[in-house]
Amino acid sequence: MKKLVVLFAAFVLLTLNQAFAYRASDFSQDAKIVSAITLLEQAGETDVLRNLQRYGIRVSFDDLTSYTYNASKTFAVSTYNNYGTRVIMINSIYRNAPVEQIACLVAHESMHVKRVADLEEETIATQKEAATWTRLKVASKAYPDTRLTRRLDKLSGMYLASNPNNNLIKNQIASNGFYRAQLGIN
């Protein structure tokens, strides 16, 4: 009887693992994005992967001109397609960015779970982006001097300098005119 219970428990555990199993290619058909998601998996970013799976999110590179008023300054967006499915669209101008940077953009956008972001959600997403860059950036690698690299380096510095009493990323978002308007902060 004891062996039967152990076998049953093992069966249930294996079944549950299969139910939550996924492949990076489930989220995108783009090889670079698949590599970025694989990198997130290898780095143990289970919350990112869980959100991608839970919300059935598809990730792609897209021209963001029709989605935002200033597409050249937008890194990525999390939105819904015409079928009501969540999608993450990474600005196609970053198609040649290092895979670590693409992973950071995916990590950020995967944290958006509400239809309309608020200050708290934007802070969580931006902190995830900063923490992911802090973790994935290869010290010996020379990254291109781009707007994305400068953003990630700045966020990483703010993330590392923050403490529970002074969240520099939250303060930056709350004082930024673009975010104040977007998030409805008075």
C-alpha atoms as a PDB file:
ATOM      1  CA  MET A   1       0.000   0.000   0.000  1.00  0.00           C
ATOM      2  CA  LYS A   2       2.839   2.377   0.873  1.00  0.00           C
ATOM      3  CA  LYS A   3       4.475   1.733  -2.526  1.00  0.00           C
ATOM      4  CA  LEU A   4       1.185   2.461  -4.248  1.00  0.00           C
ATOM      5  CA  VAL A   5       0.865   5.833  -2.470  1.00  0.00           C
ATOM      6  CA  VAL A   6       4.465   6.745  -3.385  1.00  0.00           C
ATOM      7  CA  LEU A   7       3.876   5.742  -7.017  1.00  0.00           C
ATOM      8  CA  PHE A   8       0.668   7.762  -7.120  1.00  0.00           C
ATOM      9  CA  ALA A   9       2.403  10.819  -5.623  1.00  0.00           C
ATOM     10  CA  ALA A  10       5.224  10.526  -8.172  1.00  0.00           C
ATOM     11  CA  PHE A  11       2.679  10.251 -10.990  1.00  0.00           C
ATOM     12  CA  VAL A  12       0.809  13.355  -9.806  1.00  0.00           C
ATOM     13  CA  LEU A  13       4.062  15.317  -9.467  1.00  0.00           C
ATOM     14  CA  LEU A  14       5.213  14.376 -12.957  1.00  0.00           C
ATOM     15  CA  THR A  15       1.796  15.186 -14.392  1.00  0.00           C
ATOM     16  CA  LEU A  16       1.794  18.624 -12.757  1.00  0.00           C
ATOM     17  CA  ASN A  17       5.301  19.348 -14.041  1.00  0.00           C
ATOM     18  CA  GLN A  18       4.170  18.467 -17.565  1.00  0.00           C
ATOM     19  CA  ALA A  19       1.090  20.672 -17.205  1.00  0.00           C
ATOM     20  CA  PHE A  20       3.312  23.652 -16.416  1.00  0.00           C
ATOM     21  CA  ALA A  21       6.017  22.755 -18.914  1.00  0.00           C
ATOM     22  CA  TYR A  22       6.652  25.009 -21.865  1.00  0.00           C
ATOM     23  CA  ARG A  23       9.141  25.664 -24.583  1.00  0.00           C
ATOM     24  CA  ALA A  24      10.608  29.100 -25.272  1.00  0.00           C
ATOM     25  CA  SER A  25       9.315  28.701 -28.819  1.00  0.00           C
ATOM     26  CA  ASP A  26       5.774  28.640 -27.394  1.00  0.00           C
ATOM     27  CA  PHE A  27       6.093  32.404 -26.899  1.00  0.00           C
ATOM     28  CA  SER A  28       7.766  33.511 -30.126  1.00  0.00           C
ATOM     29  CA  GLN A  29       8.888  32.318 -33.510  1.00  0.00           C
ATOM     30  CA  ASP A  30      11.773  34.791 -33.631  1.00  0.00           C
ATOM     31  CA  ALA A  31      15.103  33.064 -32.890  1.00  0.00           C
ATOM     32  CA  LYS A  32      16.518  36.066 -30.999  1.00  0.00           C
ATOM     33  CA  ILE A  33      13.484  36.311 -28.739  1.00  0.00           C
ATOM     34  CA  VAL A  34      13.521  32.542 -28.163  1.00  0.00           C
ATOM     35  CA  SER A  35      17.181  32.887 -27.132  1.00  0.00           C
ATOM     36  CA  ALA A  36      16.263  35.719 -24.757  1.00  0.00           C
ATOM     37  CA  ILE A  37      13.474  33.666 -23.158  1.00  0.00           C
ATOM     38  CA  THR A  38      15.824  30.687 -22.862  1.00  0.00           C
ATOM     39  CA  LEU A  39      18.342  32.971 -21.143  1.00  0.00           C
ATOM     40  CA  LEU A  40      15.638  34.092 -18.697  1.00  0.00           C
ATOM     41  CA  GLU A  41      14.833  30.452 -17.984  1.00  0.00           C
ATOM     42  CA  GLN A  42      18.505  29.627 -17.381  1.00  0.00           C
ATOM     43  CA  ALA A  43      18.754  32.629 -15.046  1.00  0.00           C
ATOM     44  CA  GLY A  44      15.862  31.293 -12.953  1.00  0.00           C
ATOM     45  CA  GLU A  45      13.420  34.082 -13.816  1.00  0.00           C
ATOM     46  CA  THR A  46      10.417  31.872 -13.068  1.00  0.00           C
ATOM     47  CA  ASP A  47       8.053  34.796 -12.420  1.00  0.00           C
ATOM     48  CA  VAL A  48       8.669  36.101 -15.939  1.00  0.00           C
ATOM     49  CA  LEU A  49       8.091  32.675 -17.477  1.00  0.00           C
ATOM     50  CA  ARG A  50       5.040  32.071 -15.304  1.00  0.00           C
ATOM     51  CA  ASN A  51       3.458  35.333 -16.511  1.00  0.00           C
ATOM     52  CA  LEU A  52       4.252  34.580 -20.138  1.00  0.00           C
ATOM     53  CA  GLN A  53       2.570  31.207 -19.779  1.00  0.00           C
ATOM     54  CA  ARG A  54      -0.329  32.282 -17.571  1.00  0.00           C
ATOM     55  CA  TYR A  55      -1.408  35.039 -19.944  1.00  0.00           C
ATOM     56  CA  GLY A  56      -0.565  33.182 -23.158  1.00  0.00           C
ATOM     57  CA  ILE A  57       1.703  36.011 -24.201  1.00  0.00           C
ATOM     58  CA  ARG A  58       3.299  36.062 -27.641  1.00  0.00           C
ATOM     59  CA  VAL A  59       6.463  38.140 -28.112  1.00  0.00           C
ATOM     60  CA  SER A  60       7.646  39.692 -31.363  1.00  0.00           C
ATOM     61  CA  PHE A  61       9.639  42.524 -32.879  1.00  0.00           C
ATOM     62  CA  ASP A  62       7.331  45.138 -34.376  1.00  0.00           C
ATOM     63  CA  ASP A  63       7.300  48.614 -35.853  1.00  0.00           C
ATOM     64  CA  LEU A  64       5.624  50.496 -33.004  1.00  0.00           C
ATOM     65  CA  THR A  65       4.692  53.562 -35.058  1.00  0.00           C
ATOM     66  CA  SER A  66       0.980  52.781 -34.996  1.00  0.00           C
ATOM     67  CA  TYR A  67       0.969  51.875 -31.274  1.00  0.00           C
ATOM     68  CA  THR A  68       2.628  54.867 -29.663  1.00  0.00           C
ATOM     69  CA  TYR A  69       3.008  58.543 -30.455  1.00  0.00           C
ATOM     70  CA  ASN A  70       6.799  58.465 -30.109  1.00  0.00           C
ATOM     71  CA  ALA A  71       7.802  55.047 -31.444  1.00  0.00           C
ATOM     72  CA  SER A  72      11.485  55.939 -31.780  1.00  0.00           C
ATOM     73  CA  LYS A  73      11.712  56.399 -28.002  1.00  0.00           C
ATOM     74  CA  THR A  74       9.612  53.375 -27.052  1.00  0.00           C
ATOM     75  CA  PHE A  75      11.537  50.213 -26.209  1.00  0.00           C
ATOM     76  CA  ALA A  76       8.629  47.760 -25.982  1.00  0.00           C
ATOM     77  CA  VAL A  77       4.930  47.593 -25.186  1.00  0.00           C
ATOM     78  CA  SER A  78       2.602  45.098 -23.594  1.00  0.00           C
ATOM     79  CA  THR A  79      -0.826  45.261 -25.172  1.00  0.00           C
ATOM     80  CA  TYR A  80      -3.636  43.162 -26.613  1.00  0.00           C
ATOM     81  CA  ASN A  81      -4.040  42.073 -30.214  1.00  0.00           C
ATOM     82  CA  ASN A  82      -7.319  42.148 -32.164  1.00  0.00           C
ATOM     83  CA  TYR A  83      -8.274  38.773 -30.655  1.00  0.00           C
ATOM     84  CA  GLY A  84      -7.862  39.925 -27.046  1.00  0.00           C
ATOM     85  CA  THR A  85      -4.607  38.012 -26.547  1.00  0.00           C
ATOM     86  CA  ARG A  86      -1.766  39.667 -24.652  1.00  0.00           C
ATOM     87  CA  VAL A  87       1.267  40.446 -26.764  1.00  0.00           C
ATOM     88  CA  ILE A  88       4.650  41.966 -26.092  1.00  0.00           C
ATOM     89  CA  MET A  89       5.980  43.970 -28.986  1.00  0.00           C
ATOM     90  CA  ILE A  90       9.639  44.903 -28.894  1.00  0.00           C
ATOM     91  CA  ASN A  91      10.557  47.893 -31.009  1.00  0.00           C
ATOM     92  CA  SER A  92      12.074  46.525 -34.213  1.00  0.00           C
ATOM     93  CA  ILE A  93      14.888  49.085 -34.030  1.00  0.00           C
ATOM     94  CA  TYR A  94      16.322  46.864 -31.257  1.00  0.00           C
ATOM     95  CA  ARG A  95      16.314  43.685 -33.349  1.00  0.00           C
ATOM     96  CA  ASN A  96      20.135  43.668 -33.322  1.00  0.00           C
ATOM     97  CA  ALA A  97      20.467  44.400 -29.588  1.00  0.00           C
ATOM     98  CA  PRO A  98      22.317  41.826 -27.495  1.00  0.00           C
ATOM     99  CA  VAL A  99      20.156  38.928 -26.321  1.00  0.00           C
ATOM    100  CA  GLU A 100      20.647  39.981 -22.660  1.00  0.00           C
ATOM    101  CA  GLN A 101      18.995  43.317 -23.439  1.00  0.00           C
ATOM    102  CA  ILE A 102      16.089  41.689 -25.262  1.00  0.00           C
ATOM    103  CA  ALA A 103      15.622  39.461 -22.198  1.00  0.00           C
ATOM    104  CA  CYS A 104      15.385  42.581 -20.007  1.00  0.00           C
ATOM    105  CA  LEU A 105      12.666  44.066 -22.214  1.00  0.00           C
ATOM    106  CA  VAL A 106      10.716  40.797 -22.115  1.00  0.00           C
ATOM    107  CA  ALA A 107      11.140  40.656 -18.328  1.00  0.00           C
ATOM    108  CA  HIS A 108       9.810  44.209 -17.931  1.00  0.00           C
ATOM    109  CA  GLU A 109       6.791  43.780 -20.185  1.00  0.00           C
ATOM    110  CA  SER A 110       5.893  40.381 -18.712  1.00  0.00           C
ATOM    111  CA  MET A 111       5.310  42.061 -15.345  1.00  0.00           C
ATOM    112  CA  HIS A 112       2.412  44.099 -16.753  1.00  0.00           C
ATOM    113  CA  VAL A 113      -0.650  42.107 -15.762  1.00  0.00           C
ATOM    114  CA  LYS A 114      -3.323  44.818 -15.539  1.00  0.00           C
ATOM    115  CA  ARG A 115      -5.123  46.231 -18.569  1.00  0.00           C
ATOM    116  CA  VAL A 116      -3.886  49.686 -17.576  1.00  0.00           C
ATOM    117  CA  ALA A 117      -0.668  50.055 -15.603  1.00  0.00           C
ATOM    118  CA  ASP A 118      -0.458  52.116 -12.443  1.00  0.00           C
ATOM    119  CA  LEU A 119       2.564  53.466 -10.573  1.00  0.00           C
ATOM    120  CA  GLU A 120       2.990  50.281  -8.547  1.00  0.00           C
ATOM    121  CA  GLU A 121       2.898  47.986 -11.583  1.00  0.00           C
ATOM    122  CA  GLU A 122       5.240  50.203 -13.616  1.00  0.00           C
ATOM    123  CA  THR A 123       7.646  50.265 -10.673  1.00  0.00           C
ATOM    124  CA  ILE A 124       7.581  46.471 -10.370  1.00  0.00           C
ATOM    125  CA  ALA A 125       8.122  46.062 -14.119  1.00  0.00           C
ATOM    126  CA  THR A 126      10.989  48.554 -14.227  1.00  0.00           C
ATOM    127  CA  GLN A 127      12.633  47.035 -11.154  1.00  0.00           C
ATOM    128  CA  LYS A 128      12.399  43.602 -12.812  1.00  0.00           C
ATOM    129  CA  GLU A 129      14.065  45.034 -15.926  1.00  0.00           C
ATOM    130  CA  ALA A 130      16.839  46.603 -13.817  1.00  0.00           C
ATOM    131  CA  ALA A 131      17.370  43.490 -11.699  1.00  0.00           C
ATOM    132  CA  THR A 132      17.479  41.323 -14.816  1.00  0.00           C
ATOM    133  CA  TRP A 133      20.111  43.557 -16.453  1.00  0.00           C
ATOM    134  CA  THR A 134      22.124  43.627 -13.225  1.00  0.00           C
ATOM    135  CA  ARG A 135      22.063  39.840 -13.242  1.00  0.00           C
ATOM    136  CA  LEU A 136      22.535  39.116 -16.958  1.00  0.00           C
ATOM    137  CA  LYS A 137      25.028  41.794 -18.006  1.00  0.00           C
ATOM    138  CA  VAL A 138      28.343  40.133 -18.792  1.00  0.00           C
ATOM    139  CA  ALA A 139      31.144  42.209 -17.258  1.00  0.00           C
ATOM    140  CA  SER A 140      33.702  41.210 -19.887  1.00  0.00           C
ATOM    141  CA  LYS A 141      31.401  41.952 -22.833  1.00  0.00           C
ATOM    142  CA  ALA A 142      31.461  45.282 -24.672  1.00  0.00           C
ATOM    143  CA  TYR A 143      27.855  46.360 -25.228  1.00  0.00           C
ATOM    144  CA  PRO A 144      26.989  48.849 -27.982  1.00  0.00           C
ATOM    145  CA  ASP A 145      26.612  52.472 -26.896  1.00  0.00           C
ATOM    146  CA  THR A 146      22.889  52.738 -27.599  1.00  0.00           C
ATOM    147  CA  ARG A 147      19.942  54.385 -25.930  1.00  0.00           C
ATOM    148  CA  LEU A 148      18.888  50.949 -24.652  1.00  0.00           C
ATOM    149  CA  THR A 149      22.290  50.196 -23.103  1.00  0.00           C
ATOM    150  CA  ARG A 150      22.376  53.606 -21.402  1.00  0.00           C
ATOM    151  CA  ARG A 151      18.843  53.083 -20.063  1.00  0.00           C
ATOM    152  CA  LEU A 152      19.636  49.650 -18.671  1.00  0.00           C
ATOM    153  CA  ASP A 153      22.865  50.844 -17.065  1.00  0.00           C
ATOM    154  CA  LYS A 154      21.063  53.794 -15.465  1.00  0.00           C
ATOM    155  CA  LEU A 155      18.250  51.578 -14.169  1.00  0.00           C
ATOM    156  CA  SER A 156      20.752  49.070 -12.794  1.00  0.00           C
ATOM    157  CA  GLY A 157      22.563  51.825 -10.904  1.00  0.00           C
ATOM    158  CA  MET A 158      19.294  53.122  -9.472  1.00  0.00           C
ATOM    159  CA  TYR A 159      18.212  49.612  -8.533  1.00  0.00           C
ATOM    160  CA  LEU A 160      21.476  48.923  -6.713  1.00  0.00           C
ATOM    161  CA  ALA A 161      21.410  52.306  -4.929  1.00  0.00           C
ATOM    162  CA  SER A 162      17.785  51.962  -3.770  1.00  0.00           C
ATOM    163  CA  ASN A 163      16.691  50.795  -0.349  1.00  0.00           C
ATOM    164  CA  PRO A 164      13.297  50.100   1.264  1.00  0.00           C
ATOM    165  CA  ASN A 165      13.034  53.731   2.397  1.00  0.00           C
ATOM    166  CA  ASN A 166      14.163  55.276  -0.882  1.00  0.00           C
ATOM    167  CA  ASN A 167      13.130  53.484  -4.083  1.00  0.00           C
ATOM    168  CA  LEU A 168      14.955  55.499  -6.739  1.00  0.00           C
ATOM    169  CA  ILE A 169      13.177  53.766  -9.622  1.00  0.00           C
ATOM    170  CA  LYS A 170       9.727  54.514  -8.185  1.00  0.00           C
ATOM    171  CA  ASN A 171      10.748  58.116  -7.504  1.00  0.00           C
ATOM    172  CA  GLN A 172      12.016  58.495 -11.084  1.00  0.00           C
ATOM    173  CA  ILE A 173       8.801  57.103 -12.576  1.00  0.00           C
ATOM    174  CA  ALA A 174       6.605  59.247 -10.298  1.00  0.00           C
ATOM    175  CA  SER A 175       8.444  62.422 -11.302  1.00  0.00           C
ATOM    176  CA  ASN A 176       8.653  61.696 -15.054  1.00  0.00           C
ATOM    177  CA  GLY A 177       6.186  63.752 -17.122  1.00  0.00           C
ATOM    178  CA  PHE A 178       5.510  60.956 -19.599  1.00  0.00           C
ATOM    179  CA  TYR A 179       4.698  58.435 -16.858  1.00  0.00           C
ATOM    180  CA  ARG A 180       2.718  60.980 -14.856  1.00  0.00           C
ATOM    181  CA  ALA A 181       0.432  61.490 -17.839  1.00  0.00           C
ATOM    182  CA  GLN A 182       0.317  57.810 -18.826  1.00  0.00           C
ATOM    183  CA  LEU A 183      -0.343  56.555 -15.290  1.00  0.00           C
ATOM    184  CA  GLY A 184      -2.703  59.368 -14.276  1.00  0.00           C
ATOM    185  CA  ILE A 185      -0.489  60.630 -11.453  1.00  0.00           C
ATOM    186  CA  ASN A 186      -1.474  64.091 -10.221  1.00  0.00           C
END
